[in-house]
All heavy atoms as atom14 arrays in JSON, in Angstrom:
{
  "sequence": "RAAEGHEFASHTWDHAYWRGDLKGVEPRFRIRPSAGAFAGREFTWDAK",
  "atom14_mask": [
    [1, 1, 1, 1, 1, 1, 1, 1, 1, 1, 1, 0, 0, 0],
    [1, 1, 1, 1, 1, 0, 0, 0, 0, 0, 0, 0, 0, 0],
    [1, 1, 1, 1, 1, 0, 0, 0, 0, 0, 0, 0, 0, 0],
    [1, 1, 1, 1, 1, 1, 1, 1, 1, 0, 0, 0, 0, 0],
    [1, 1, 1, 1, 0, 0, 0, 0, 0, 0, 0, 0, 0, 0],
    [1, 1, 1, 1, 1, 1, 1, 1, 1, 1, 0, 0, 0, 0],
    [1, 1, 1, 1, 1, 1, 1, 1, 1, 0, 0, 0, 0, 0],
    [1, 1, 1, 1, 1, 1, 1, 1, 1, 1, 1, 0, 0, 0],
    [1, 1, 1, 1, 1, 0, 0, 0, 0, 0, 0, 0, 0, 0],
    [1, 1, 1, 1, 1, 1, 0, 0, 0, 0, 0, 0, 0, 0],
    [1, 1, 1, 1, 1, 1, 1, 1, 1, 1, 0, 0, 0, 0],
    [1, 1, 1, 1, 1, 1, 1, 0, 0, 0, 0, 0, 0, 0],
    [1, 1, 1, 1, 1, 1, 1, 1, 1, 1, 1, 1, 1, 1],
    [1, 1, 1, 1, 1, 1, 1, 1, 0, 0, 0, 0, 0, 0],
    [1, 1, 1, 1, 1, 1, 1, 1, 1, 1, 0, 0, 0, 0],
    [1, 1, 1, 1, 1, 0, 0, 0, 0, 0, 0, 0, 0, 0],
    [1, 1, 1, 1, 1, 1, 1, 1, 1, 1, 1, 1, 0, 0],
    [1, 1, 1, 1, 1, 1, 1, 1, 1, 1, 1, 1, 1, 1],
    [1, 1, 1, 1, 1, 1, 1, 1, 1, 1, 1, 0, 0, 0],
    [1, 1, 1, 1, 0, 0, 0, 0, 0, 0, 0, 0, 0, 0],
    [1, 1, 1, 1, 1, 1, 1, 1, 0, 0, 0, 0, 0, 0],
    [1, 1, 1, 1, 1, 1, 1, 1, 0, 0, 0, 0, 0, 0],
    [1, 1, 1, 1, 1, 1, 1, 1, 1, 0, 0, 0, 0, 0],
    [1, 1, 1, 1, 0, 0, 0, 0, 0, 0, 0, 0, 0, 0],
    [1, 1, 1, 1, 1, 1, 1, 0, 0, 0, 0, 0, 0, 0],
    [1, 1, 1, 1, 1, 1, 1, 1, 1, 0, 0, 0, 0, 0],
    [1, 1, 1, 1, 1, 1, 1, 0, 0, 0, 0, 0, 0, 0],
    [1, 1, 1, 1, 1, 1, 1, 1, 1, 1, 1, 0, 0, 0],
    [1, 1, 1, 1, 1, 1, 1, 1, 1, 1, 1, 0, 0, 0],
    [1, 1, 1, 1, 1, 1, 1, 1, 1, 1, 1, 0, 0, 0],
    [1, 1, 1, 1, 1, 1, 1, 1, 0, 0, 0, 0, 0, 0],
    [1, 1, 1, 1, 1, 1, 1, 1, 1, 1, 1, 0, 0, 0],
    [1, 1, 1, 1, 1, 1, 1, 0, 0, 0, 0, 0, 0, 0],
    [1, 1, 1, 1, 1, 1, 0, 0, 0, 0, 0, 0, 0, 0],
    [1, 1, 1, 1, 1, 0, 0, 0, 0, 0, 0, 0, 0, 0],
    [1, 1, 1, 1, 0, 0, 0, 0, 0, 0, 0, 0, 0, 0],
    [1, 1, 1, 1, 1, 0, 0, 0, 0, 0, 0, 0, 0, 0],
    [1, 1, 1, 1, 1, 1, 1, 1, 1, 1, 1, 0, 0, 0],
    [1, 1, 1, 1, 1, 0, 0, 0, 0, 0, 0, 0, 0, 0],
    [1, 1, 1, 1, 0, 0, 0, 0, 0, 0, 0, 0, 0, 0],
    [1, 1, 1, 1, 1, 1, 1, 1, 1, 1, 1, 0, 0, 0],
    [1, 1, 1, 1, 1, 1, 1, 1, 1, 0, 0, 0, 0, 0],
    [1, 1, 1, 1, 1, 1, 1, 1, 1, 1, 1, 0, 0, 0],
    [1, 1, 1, 1, 1, 1, 1, 0, 0, 0, 0, 0, 0, 0],
    [1, 1, 1, 1, 1, 1, 1, 1, 1, 1, 1, 1, 1, 1],
    [1, 1, 1, 1, 1, 1, 1, 1, 0, 0, 0, 0, 0, 0],
    [1, 1, 1, 1, 1, 0, 0, 0, 0, 0, 0, 0, 0, 0],
    [1, 1, 1, 1, 1, 1, 1, 1, 1, 0, 0, 0, 0, 0]
  ],
  "atom14_positions": [
    [[0.83, -1.16, -0.03], [0.06, 0.04, 0.0], [0.88, 1.26, 0.02], [0.52, 2.19, -0.59], [-0.92, 0.08, 1.25], [-1.78, -1.2, 1.33], [-2.94, -1.31, 0.32], [-2.46, -1.8, -0.94], [-2.03, -3.05, -1.24], [-2.15, -4.02, -0.23], [-1.71, -3.43, -2.37], [0.0, 0.0, 0.0], [0.0, 0.0, 0.0], [0.0, 0.0, 0.0]],
    [[1.92, 1.27, 0.69], [2.88, 2.36, 0.71], [3.45, 2.57, -0.7], [3.58, 3.68, -1.16], [4.02, 2.06, 1.71], [0.0, 0.0, 0.0], [0.0, 0.0, 0.0], [0.0, 0.0, 0.0], [0.0, 0.0, 0.0], [0.0, 0.0, 0.0], [0.0, 0.0, 0.0], [0.0, 0.0, 0.0], [0.0, 0.0, 0.0], [0.0, 0.0, 0.0]],
    [[3.77, 1.56, -1.36], [4.3, 1.71, -2.79], [3.3, 2.21, -3.66], [3.72, 2.88, -4.75], [4.8, 0.21, -3.28], [0.0, 0.0, 0.0], [0.0, 0.0, 0.0], [0.0, 0.0, 0.0], [0.0, 0.0, 0.0], [0.0, 0.0, 0.0], [0.0, 0.0, 0.0], [0.0, 0.0, 0.0], [0.0, 0.0, 0.0], [0.0, 0.0, 0.0]],
    [[1.98, 2.1, -3.38], [1.0, 2.63, -4.27], [0.64, 4.1, -3.91], [-0.06, 4.81, -4.57], [-0.35, 1.82, -4.09], [-0.2, 0.42, -4.63], [-1.28, -0.53, -4.12], [-2.1, -0.1, -3.2], [-1.42, -1.61, -4.67], [0.0, 0.0, 0.0], [0.0, 0.0, 0.0], [0.0, 0.0, 0.0], [0.0, 0.0, 0.0], [0.0, 0.0, 0.0]],
    [[1.25, 4.61, -2.84], [1.14, 6.03, -2.51], [0.13, 6.4, -1.45], [-0.13, 7.5, -1.25], [0.0, 0.0, 0.0], [0.0, 0.0, 0.0], [0.0, 0.0, 0.0], [0.0, 0.0, 0.0], [0.0, 0.0, 0.0], [0.0, 0.0, 0.0], [0.0, 0.0, 0.0], [0.0, 0.0, 0.0], [0.0, 0.0, 0.0], [0.0, 0.0, 0.0]],
    [[-0.3, 5.4, -0.75], [-1.28, 5.67, 0.32], [-0.56, 6.22, 1.58], [0.63, 6.15, 1.77], [-2.08, 4.32, 0.69], [-2.9, 3.75, -0.38], [-4.07, 4.42, -0.76], [-2.6, 2.67, -1.03], [-4.52, 3.62, -1.77], [-3.61, 2.6, -2.01], [0.0, 0.0, 0.0], [0.0, 0.0, 0.0], [0.0, 0.0, 0.0], [0.0, 0.0, 0.0]],
    [[-1.37, 6.9, 2.52], [-0.87, 7.43, 3.69], [-1.28, 6.62, 4.86], [-2.3, 5.86, 4.74], [-1.21, 8.84, 3.85], [-0.83, 9.87, 2.77], [0.78, 10.03, 2.83], [1.32, 9.82, 3.73], [1.27, 10.52, 1.73], [0.0, 0.0, 0.0], [0.0, 0.0, 0.0], [0.0, 0.0, 0.0], [0.0, 0.0, 0.0], [0.0, 0.0, 0.0]],
    [[-0.6, 6.87, 6.1], [-0.89, 5.85, 7.18], [-0.85, 6.81, 8.5], [-0.13, 7.79, 8.63], [0.11, 4.8, 7.29], [0.3, 4.05, 6.04], [1.23, 4.48, 5.14], [-0.57, 3.02, 5.73], [1.49, 3.67, 3.88], [-0.51, 2.3, 4.59], [0.57, 2.84, 3.61], [0.0, 0.0, 0.0], [0.0, 0.0, 0.0], [0.0, 0.0, 0.0]],
    [[-1.64, 6.4, 9.49], [-1.64, 7.04, 10.79], [-2.1, 6.01, 11.87], [-2.72, 5.0, 11.56], [-2.44, 8.33, 10.81], [0.0, 0.0, 0.0], [0.0, 0.0, 0.0], [0.0, 0.0, 0.0], [0.0, 0.0, 0.0], [0.0, 0.0, 0.0], [0.0, 0.0, 0.0], [0.0, 0.0, 0.0], [0.0, 0.0, 0.0], [0.0, 0.0, 0.0]],
    [[-1.96, 6.39, 13.15], [-2.19, 5.48, 14.15], [-3.77, 5.48, 14.54], [-4.4, 6.57, 14.6], [-1.42, 5.83, 15.41], [-1.79, 5.11, 16.55], [0.0, 0.0, 0.0], [0.0, 0.0, 0.0], [0.0, 0.0, 0.0], [0.0, 0.0, 0.0], [0.0, 0.0, 0.0], [0.0, 0.0, 0.0], [0.0, 0.0, 0.0], [0.0, 0.0, 0.0]],
    [[-4.21, 4.35, 14.99], [-5.58, 4.07, 15.46], [-5.53, 3.53, 16.87], [-6.43, 3.0, 17.39], [-6.28, 3.18, 14.53], [-7.71, 3.1, 14.66], [-8.57, 4.28, 15.02], [-8.67, 2.09, 14.51], [-9.78, 3.85, 15.07], [-9.92, 2.55, 14.69], [0.0, 0.0, 0.0], [0.0, 0.0, 0.0], [0.0, 0.0, 0.0], [0.0, 0.0, 0.0]],
    [[-4.37, 3.84, 17.55], [-3.96, 3.13, 18.86], [-3.51, 1.75, 18.61], [-4.01, 1.12, 17.75], [-5.06, 3.27, 20.1], [-6.07, 2.34, 19.75], [-5.51, 4.66, 20.17], [0.0, 0.0, 0.0], [0.0, 0.0, 0.0], [0.0, 0.0, 0.0], [0.0, 0.0, 0.0], [0.0, 0.0, 0.0], [0.0, 0.0, 0.0], [0.0, 0.0, 0.0]],
    [[-2.61, 1.21, 19.37], [-2.19, -0.07, 19.22], [-3.15, -1.18, 19.6], [-3.42, -2.1, 18.87], [-0.82, -0.38, 20.08], [-0.3, -1.76, 20.1], [-0.38, -2.71, 21.09], [0.25, -2.34, 18.96], [0.23, -3.91, 20.62], [0.56, -3.69, 19.35], [0.65, -1.94, 17.59], [1.31, -4.59, 18.5], [1.43, -2.91, 16.76], [1.59, -4.17, 17.21]],
    [[-3.82, -0.94, 20.8], [-4.84, -2.03, 21.21], [-6.2, -1.65, 20.92], [-7.12, -2.06, 21.56], [-4.65, -2.06, 22.85], [-3.36, -2.7, 23.3], [-3.03, -3.82, 22.66], [-2.69, -2.11, 24.1], [0.0, 0.0, 0.0], [0.0, 0.0, 0.0], [0.0, 0.0, 0.0], [0.0, 0.0, 0.0], [0.0, 0.0, 0.0], [0.0, 0.0, 0.0]],
    [[-6.39, -0.83, 19.9], [-7.78, -0.29, 19.62], [-8.49, 0.02, 20.88], [-9.5, -0.35, 21.28], [-8.51, -1.38, 18.86], [-9.77, -0.81, 18.06], [-11.03, -1.03, 18.39], [-9.7, 0.15, 16.98], [-11.82, -0.44, 17.55], [-11.09, 0.16, 16.71], [0.0, 0.0, 0.0], [0.0, 0.0, 0.0], [0.0, 0.0, 0.0], [0.0, 0.0, 0.0]],
    [[-7.88, 0.96, 21.64], [-8.3, 1.18, 23.05], [-9.41, 2.26, 23.05], [-9.25, 3.4, 22.6], [-7.05, 1.73, 23.77], [0.0, 0.0, 0.0], [0.0, 0.0, 0.0], [0.0, 0.0, 0.0], [0.0, 0.0, 0.0], [0.0, 0.0, 0.0], [0.0, 0.0, 0.0], [0.0, 0.0, 0.0], [0.0, 0.0, 0.0], [0.0, 0.0, 0.0]],
    [[-10.64, 1.91, 23.63], [-11.66, 2.75, 23.62], [-11.62, 3.63, 24.84], [-11.35, 3.24, 25.97], [-13.02, 1.95, 23.88], [-13.47, 1.28, 22.6], [-12.75, 0.17, 22.0], [-14.71, 1.59, 22.06], [-13.26, -0.43, 20.86], [-15.12, 1.02, 20.9], [-14.4, 0.03, 20.34], [-14.97, -0.65, 19.3], [0.0, 0.0, 0.0], [0.0, 0.0, 0.0]],
    [[-11.82, 5.03, 24.59], [-11.89, 5.92, 25.7], [-13.28, 5.8, 26.3], [-14.37, 5.74, 25.58], [-11.67, 7.42, 25.25], [-11.91, 8.48, 26.19], [-11.04, 8.99, 27.06], [-13.22, 9.16, 26.36], [-11.76, 9.85, 27.83], [-13.06, 10.15, 27.31], [-14.5, 9.03, 25.74], [-13.99, 10.91, 27.88], [-15.48, 9.82, 26.25], [-15.31, 10.72, 27.25]],
    [[-13.35, 5.58, 27.58], [-14.66, 5.39, 28.19], [-15.14, 6.54, 29.13], [-16.24, 6.62, 29.52], [-14.53, 4.11, 29.21], [-14.13, 2.84, 28.4], [-15.19, 2.22, 27.71], [-16.1, 1.58, 28.63], [-17.33, 1.06, 28.33], [-17.66, 1.08, 27.01], [-18.14, 0.37, 29.15], [0.0, 0.0, 0.0], [0.0, 0.0, 0.0], [0.0, 0.0, 0.0]],
    [[-14.14, 7.39, 29.51], [-14.52, 8.59, 30.21], [-13.36, 9.25, 31.0], [-12.32, 8.44, 31.26], [0.0, 0.0, 0.0], [0.0, 0.0, 0.0], [0.0, 0.0, 0.0], [0.0, 0.0, 0.0], [0.0, 0.0, 0.0], [0.0, 0.0, 0.0], [0.0, 0.0, 0.0], [0.0, 0.0, 0.0], [0.0, 0.0, 0.0], [0.0, 0.0, 0.0]],
    [[-13.44, 10.43, 31.24], [-12.39, 11.18, 32.01], [-12.57, 10.87, 33.57], [-13.8, 10.71, 33.99], [-12.4, 12.64, 31.79], [-12.0, 13.0, 30.35], [-11.33, 12.17, 29.71], [-12.48, 14.06, 29.8], [0.0, 0.0, 0.0], [0.0, 0.0, 0.0], [0.0, 0.0, 0.0], [0.0, 0.0, 0.0], [0.0, 0.0, 0.0], [0.0, 0.0, 0.0]],
    [[-11.43, 10.89, 34.25], [-11.56, 10.81, 35.78], [-11.1, 12.22, 36.33], [-10.27, 12.76, 35.81], [-10.57, 9.76, 36.22], [-10.97, 8.26, 35.79], [-9.83, 7.35, 36.27], [-12.31, 7.85, 36.34], [0.0, 0.0, 0.0], [0.0, 0.0, 0.0], [0.0, 0.0, 0.0], [0.0, 0.0, 0.0], [0.0, 0.0, 0.0], [0.0, 0.0, 0.0]],
    [[-11.79, 12.52, 37.35], [-11.5, 13.9, 38.04], [-10.13, 13.69, 38.72], [-9.72, 12.73, 39.24], [-12.51, 14.2, 39.01], [-14.01, 14.46, 38.3], [-15.1, 14.78, 39.48], [-16.39, 15.1, 38.71], [-17.39, 15.38, 39.74], [0.0, 0.0, 0.0], [0.0, 0.0, 0.0], [0.0, 0.0, 0.0], [0.0, 0.0, 0.0], [0.0, 0.0, 0.0]],
    [[-9.42, 14.87, 38.66], [-8.09, 14.93, 39.3], [-7.25, 15.97, 38.64], [-7.65, 16.53, 37.58], [0.0, 0.0, 0.0], [0.0, 0.0, 0.0], [0.0, 0.0, 0.0], [0.0, 0.0, 0.0], [0.0, 0.0, 0.0], [0.0, 0.0, 0.0], [0.0, 0.0, 0.0], [0.0, 0.0, 0.0], [0.0, 0.0, 0.0], [0.0, 0.0, 0.0]],
    [[-6.04, 16.24, 39.16], [-5.15, 17.25, 38.71], [-4.59, 16.78, 37.36], [-4.56, 17.41, 36.37], [-4.03, 17.61, 39.7], [-3.06, 18.62, 39.06], [-4.67, 18.16, 41.09], [0.0, 0.0, 0.0], [0.0, 0.0, 0.0], [0.0, 0.0, 0.0], [0.0, 0.0, 0.0], [0.0, 0.0, 0.0], [0.0, 0.0, 0.0], [0.0, 0.0, 0.0]],
    [[-3.98, 15.56, 37.34], [-3.4, 15.06, 36.2], [-4.58, 14.35, 35.3], [-5.44, 13.63, 35.76], [-2.37, 13.95, 36.56], [-1.09, 14.54, 37.28], [-0.39, 15.45, 36.49], [-0.37, 15.28, 35.31], [0.15, 16.39, 37.06], [0.0, 0.0, 0.0], [0.0, 0.0, 0.0], [0.0, 0.0, 0.0], [0.0, 0.0, 0.0], [0.0, 0.0, 0.0]],
    [[-4.37, 14.48, 33.96], [-5.38, 13.81, 33.03], [-5.31, 12.32, 33.22], [-4.26, 11.75, 33.02], [-4.92, 14.26, 31.7], [-4.13, 15.57, 31.96], [-3.45, 15.35, 33.24], [0.0, 0.0, 0.0], [0.0, 0.0, 0.0], [0.0, 0.0, 0.0], [0.0, 0.0, 0.0], [0.0, 0.0, 0.0], [0.0, 0.0, 0.0], [0.0, 0.0, 0.0]],
    [[-6.46, 11.78, 33.53], [-6.45, 10.22, 33.51], [-7.83, 9.79, 32.94], [-8.82, 10.6, 33.07], [-6.43, 9.69, 35.09], [-5.11, 10.03, 35.71], [-5.05, 9.67, 37.13], [-4.97, 8.13, 37.29], [-3.73, 7.51, 37.22], [-2.66, 8.11, 36.99], [-3.69, 6.27, 37.47], [0.0, 0.0, 0.0], [0.0, 0.0, 0.0], [0.0, 0.0, 0.0]],
    [[-7.8, 8.72, 32.36], [-8.96, 8.14, 31.57], [-9.32, 6.84, 31.86], [-8.47, 5.98, 32.18], [-8.73, 8.23, 30.03], [-7.63, 9.35, 29.58], [-6.51, 9.11, 29.42], [-8.17, 10.74, 29.56], [-5.5, 10.15, 29.0], [-7.34, 11.65, 29.19], [-6.02, 11.42, 28.86], [0.0, 0.0, 0.0], [0.0, 0.0, 0.0], [0.0, 0.0, 0.0]],
    [[-10.53, 6.42, 31.82], [-11.01, 5.08, 31.79], [-10.93, 4.53, 30.36], [-11.46, 5.08, 29.38], [-12.47, 4.88, 32.3], [-12.62, 5.12, 33.81], [-14.03, 4.81, 34.3], [-15.01, 5.64, 33.75], [-15.9, 5.24, 32.82], [-16.01, 3.95, 32.5], [-16.86, 6.04, 32.37], [0.0, 0.0, 0.0], [0.0, 0.0, 0.0], [0.0, 0.0, 0.0]],
    [[-10.12, 3.45, 30.15], [-9.84, 2.82, 28.88], [-10.17, 1.35, 28.86], [-10.01, 0.68, 29.77], [-8.32, 2.96, 28.53], [-7.93, 4.58, 28.38], [-8.0, 2.24, 27.23], [-8.44, 5.14, 27.22], [0.0, 0.0, 0.0], [0.0, 0.0, 0.0], [0.0, 0.0, 0.0], [0.0, 0.0, 0.0], [0.0, 0.0, 0.0], [0.0, 0.0, 0.0]],
    [[-10.8, 0.93, 27.67], [-11.02, -0.47, 27.52], [-10.48, -0.91, 26.09], [-11.07, -0.61, 25.09], [-12.57, -0.79, 27.59], [-12.84, -2.18, 27.4], [-14.34, -2.6, 27.27], [-14.88, -2.36, 28.58], [-16.25, -2.71, 28.87], [-16.95, -2.98, 27.81], [-16.72, -2.55, 30.01], [0.0, 0.0, 0.0], [0.0, 0.0, 0.0], [0.0, 0.0, 0.0]],
    [[-9.43, -1.61, 26.2], [-8.91, -2.14, 24.87], [-9.88, -3.15, 24.32], [-10.61, -3.91, 25.02], [-7.54, -2.85, 25.2], [-7.13, -2.18, 26.62], [-8.51, -1.86, 27.27], [0.0, 0.0, 0.0], [0.0, 0.0, 0.0], [0.0, 0.0, 0.0], [0.0, 0.0, 0.0], [0.0, 0.0, 0.0], [0.0, 0.0, 0.0], [0.0, 0.0, 0.0]],
    [[-9.97, -3.1, 23.0], [-10.85, -4.18, 22.37], [-9.98, -5.17, 21.56], [-10.46, -6.07, 20.76], [-11.87, -3.57, 21.35], [-11.21, -2.77, 20.34], [0.0, 0.0, 0.0], [0.0, 0.0, 0.0], [0.0, 0.0, 0.0], [0.0, 0.0, 0.0], [0.0, 0.0, 0.0], [0.0, 0.0, 0.0], [0.0, 0.0, 0.0], [0.0, 0.0, 0.0]],
    [[-8.69, -4.98, 21.62], [-7.69, -5.97, 21.04], [-6.5, -6.17, 21.94], [-6.36, -5.46, 22.89], [-7.12, -5.35, 19.73], [0.0, 0.0, 0.0], [0.0, 0.0, 0.0], [0.0, 0.0, 0.0], [0.0, 0.0, 0.0], [0.0, 0.0, 0.0], [0.0, 0.0, 0.0], [0.0, 0.0, 0.0], [0.0, 0.0, 0.0], [0.0, 0.0, 0.0]],
    [[-5.73, -7.19, 21.62], [-4.5, -7.47, 22.47], [-4.95, -8.41, 23.63], [-6.02, -8.88, 23.74], [0.0, 0.0, 0.0], [0.0, 0.0, 0.0], [0.0, 0.0, 0.0], [0.0, 0.0, 0.0], [0.0, 0.0, 0.0], [0.0, 0.0, 0.0], [0.0, 0.0, 0.0], [0.0, 0.0, 0.0], [0.0, 0.0, 0.0], [0.0, 0.0, 0.0]],
    [[-3.9, -8.64, 24.55], [-3.96, -9.55, 25.56], [-4.98, -9.06, 26.68], [-5.51, -9.89, 27.42], [-2.66, -9.74, 26.28], [0.0, 0.0, 0.0], [0.0, 0.0, 0.0], [0.0, 0.0, 0.0], [0.0, 0.0, 0.0], [0.0, 0.0, 0.0], [0.0, 0.0, 0.0], [0.0, 0.0, 0.0], [0.0, 0.0, 0.0], [0.0, 0.0, 0.0]],
    [[-5.27, -7.72, 26.73], [-6.15, -7.29, 27.8], [-7.43, -6.72, 27.07], [-8.22, -5.99, 27.8], [-5.45, -6.17, 28.54], [-4.21, -6.54, 29.2], [-3.03, -6.03, 28.63], [-4.17, -7.38, 30.23], [-1.73, -6.37, 29.18], [-3.03, -7.72, 30.79], [-1.82, -7.26, 30.37], [0.0, 0.0, 0.0], [0.0, 0.0, 0.0], [0.0, 0.0, 0.0]],
    [[-7.89, -7.35, 26.03], [-9.18, -6.88, 25.37], [-10.33, -7.16, 26.32], [-10.37, -8.19, 26.9], [-9.38, -7.7, 24.11], [0.0, 0.0, 0.0], [0.0, 0.0, 0.0], [0.0, 0.0, 0.0], [0.0, 0.0, 0.0], [0.0, 0.0, 0.0], [0.0, 0.0, 0.0], [0.0, 0.0, 0.0], [0.0, 0.0, 0.0], [0.0, 0.0, 0.0]],
    [[-11.28, -6.14, 26.42], [-12.48, -6.37, 27.18], [-12.3, -5.97, 28.61], [-13.3, -5.96, 29.26], [0.0, 0.0, 0.0], [0.0, 0.0, 0.0], [0.0, 0.0, 0.0], [0.0, 0.0, 0.0], [0.0, 0.0, 0.0], [0.0, 0.0, 0.0], [0.0, 0.0, 0.0], [0.0, 0.0, 0.0], [0.0, 0.0, 0.0], [0.0, 0.0, 0.0]],
    [[-11.13, -5.69, 29.17], [-10.86, -5.32, 30.57], [-10.69, -3.73, 30.58], [-10.29, -3.14, 29.67], [-9.55, -5.97, 31.15], [-9.8, -7.46, 31.19], [-8.53, -8.19, 31.54], [-7.94, -7.62, 32.8], [-6.79, -7.97, 33.29], [-6.03, -8.82, 32.59], [-6.31, -7.54, 34.4], [0.0, 0.0, 0.0], [0.0, 0.0, 0.0], [0.0, 0.0, 0.0]],
    [[-11.19, -3.16, 31.65], [-11.11, -1.74, 31.83], [-9.99, -1.34, 32.77], [-9.67, -1.9, 33.72], [-12.44, -1.16, 32.47], [-12.47, 0.39, 32.39], [-14.0, 0.79, 32.39], [-14.78, 0.36, 31.53], [-14.41, 1.56, 33.28], [0.0, 0.0, 0.0], [0.0, 0.0, 0.0], [0.0, 0.0, 0.0], [0.0, 0.0, 0.0], [0.0, 0.0, 0.0]],
    [[-9.26, -0.26, 32.29], [-8.07, 0.19, 32.99], [-8.11, 1.78, 33.13], [-8.88, 2.44, 32.44], [-6.78, -0.07, 32.16], [-6.69, -1.53, 31.97], [-7.14, -2.22, 30.78], [-5.88, -2.33, 32.82], [-6.9, -3.53, 30.61], [-5.61, -3.74, 32.61], [-6.15, -4.28, 31.5], [0.0, 0.0, 0.0], [0.0, 0.0, 0.0], [0.0, 0.0, 0.0]],
    [[-7.23, 2.22, 34.01], [-7.17, 3.69, 34.16], [-5.69, 4.01, 33.6], [-4.73, 3.52, 34.03], [-7.14, 4.07, 35.63], [-8.51, 3.82, 36.01], [-6.84, 5.61, 35.72], [0.0, 0.0, 0.0], [0.0, 0.0, 0.0], [0.0, 0.0, 0.0], [0.0, 0.0, 0.0], [0.0, 0.0, 0.0], [0.0, 0.0, 0.0], [0.0, 0.0, 0.0]],
    [[-5.74, 4.84, 32.54], [-4.38, 5.34, 31.85], [-4.28, 6.82, 32.17], [-5.29, 7.63, 32.35], [-4.43, 5.2, 30.43], [-4.35, 3.71, 30.06], [-4.07, 2.62, 30.71], [-4.23, 3.21, 28.64], [-3.92, 1.45, 30.0], [-4.03, 1.88, 28.65], [-4.33, 3.82, 27.37], [-3.92, 1.03, 27.62], [-4.36, 3.08, 26.28], [-4.02, 1.63, 26.32]],
    [[-3.0, 7.29, 32.28], [-2.75, 8.6, 32.16], [-2.31, 9.1, 30.86], [-2.35, 8.19, 29.85], [-1.64, 9.01, 33.25], [-0.29, 8.32, 32.94], [-0.03, 7.89, 31.71], [0.52, 8.14, 33.87], [0.0, 0.0, 0.0], [0.0, 0.0, 0.0], [0.0, 0.0, 0.0], [0.0, 0.0, 0.0], [0.0, 0.0, 0.0], [0.0, 0.0, 0.0]],
    [[-2.16, 10.32, 30.5], [-1.87, 10.75, 29.21], [-0.58, 10.16, 28.68], [-0.58, 9.86, 27.44], [-1.8, 12.3, 29.22], [0.0, 0.0, 0.0], [0.0, 0.0, 0.0], [0.0, 0.0, 0.0], [0.0, 0.0, 0.0], [0.0, 0.0, 0.0], [0.0, 0.0, 0.0], [0.0, 0.0, 0.0], [0.0, 0.0, 0.0], [0.0, 0.0, 0.0]],
    [[0.37, 9.88, 29.36], [1.54, 9.25, 28.86], [1.4, 7.89, 28.29], [1.94, 7.53, 27.26], [2.68, 9.31, 30.08], [4.0, 8.74, 29.61], [4.97, 8.84, 30.73], [6.46, 8.36, 30.22], [7.44, 8.35, 31.31], [0.0, 0.0, 0.0], [0.0, 0.0, 0.0], [0.0, 0.0, 0.0], [0.0, 0.0, 0.0], [0.0, 0.0, 0.0]]
  ]
}
């Protein structure tokens, strides 16, 4: 596809669904990956 001239960009590695923001000083989110080893489980991630 690259040889044909298409462009590419990220869709997140684990197809990680944003589920909602968490209150606090530092940005933190509820995340649920739909791919990978942790698919279907909910986590709290920070911006990093």
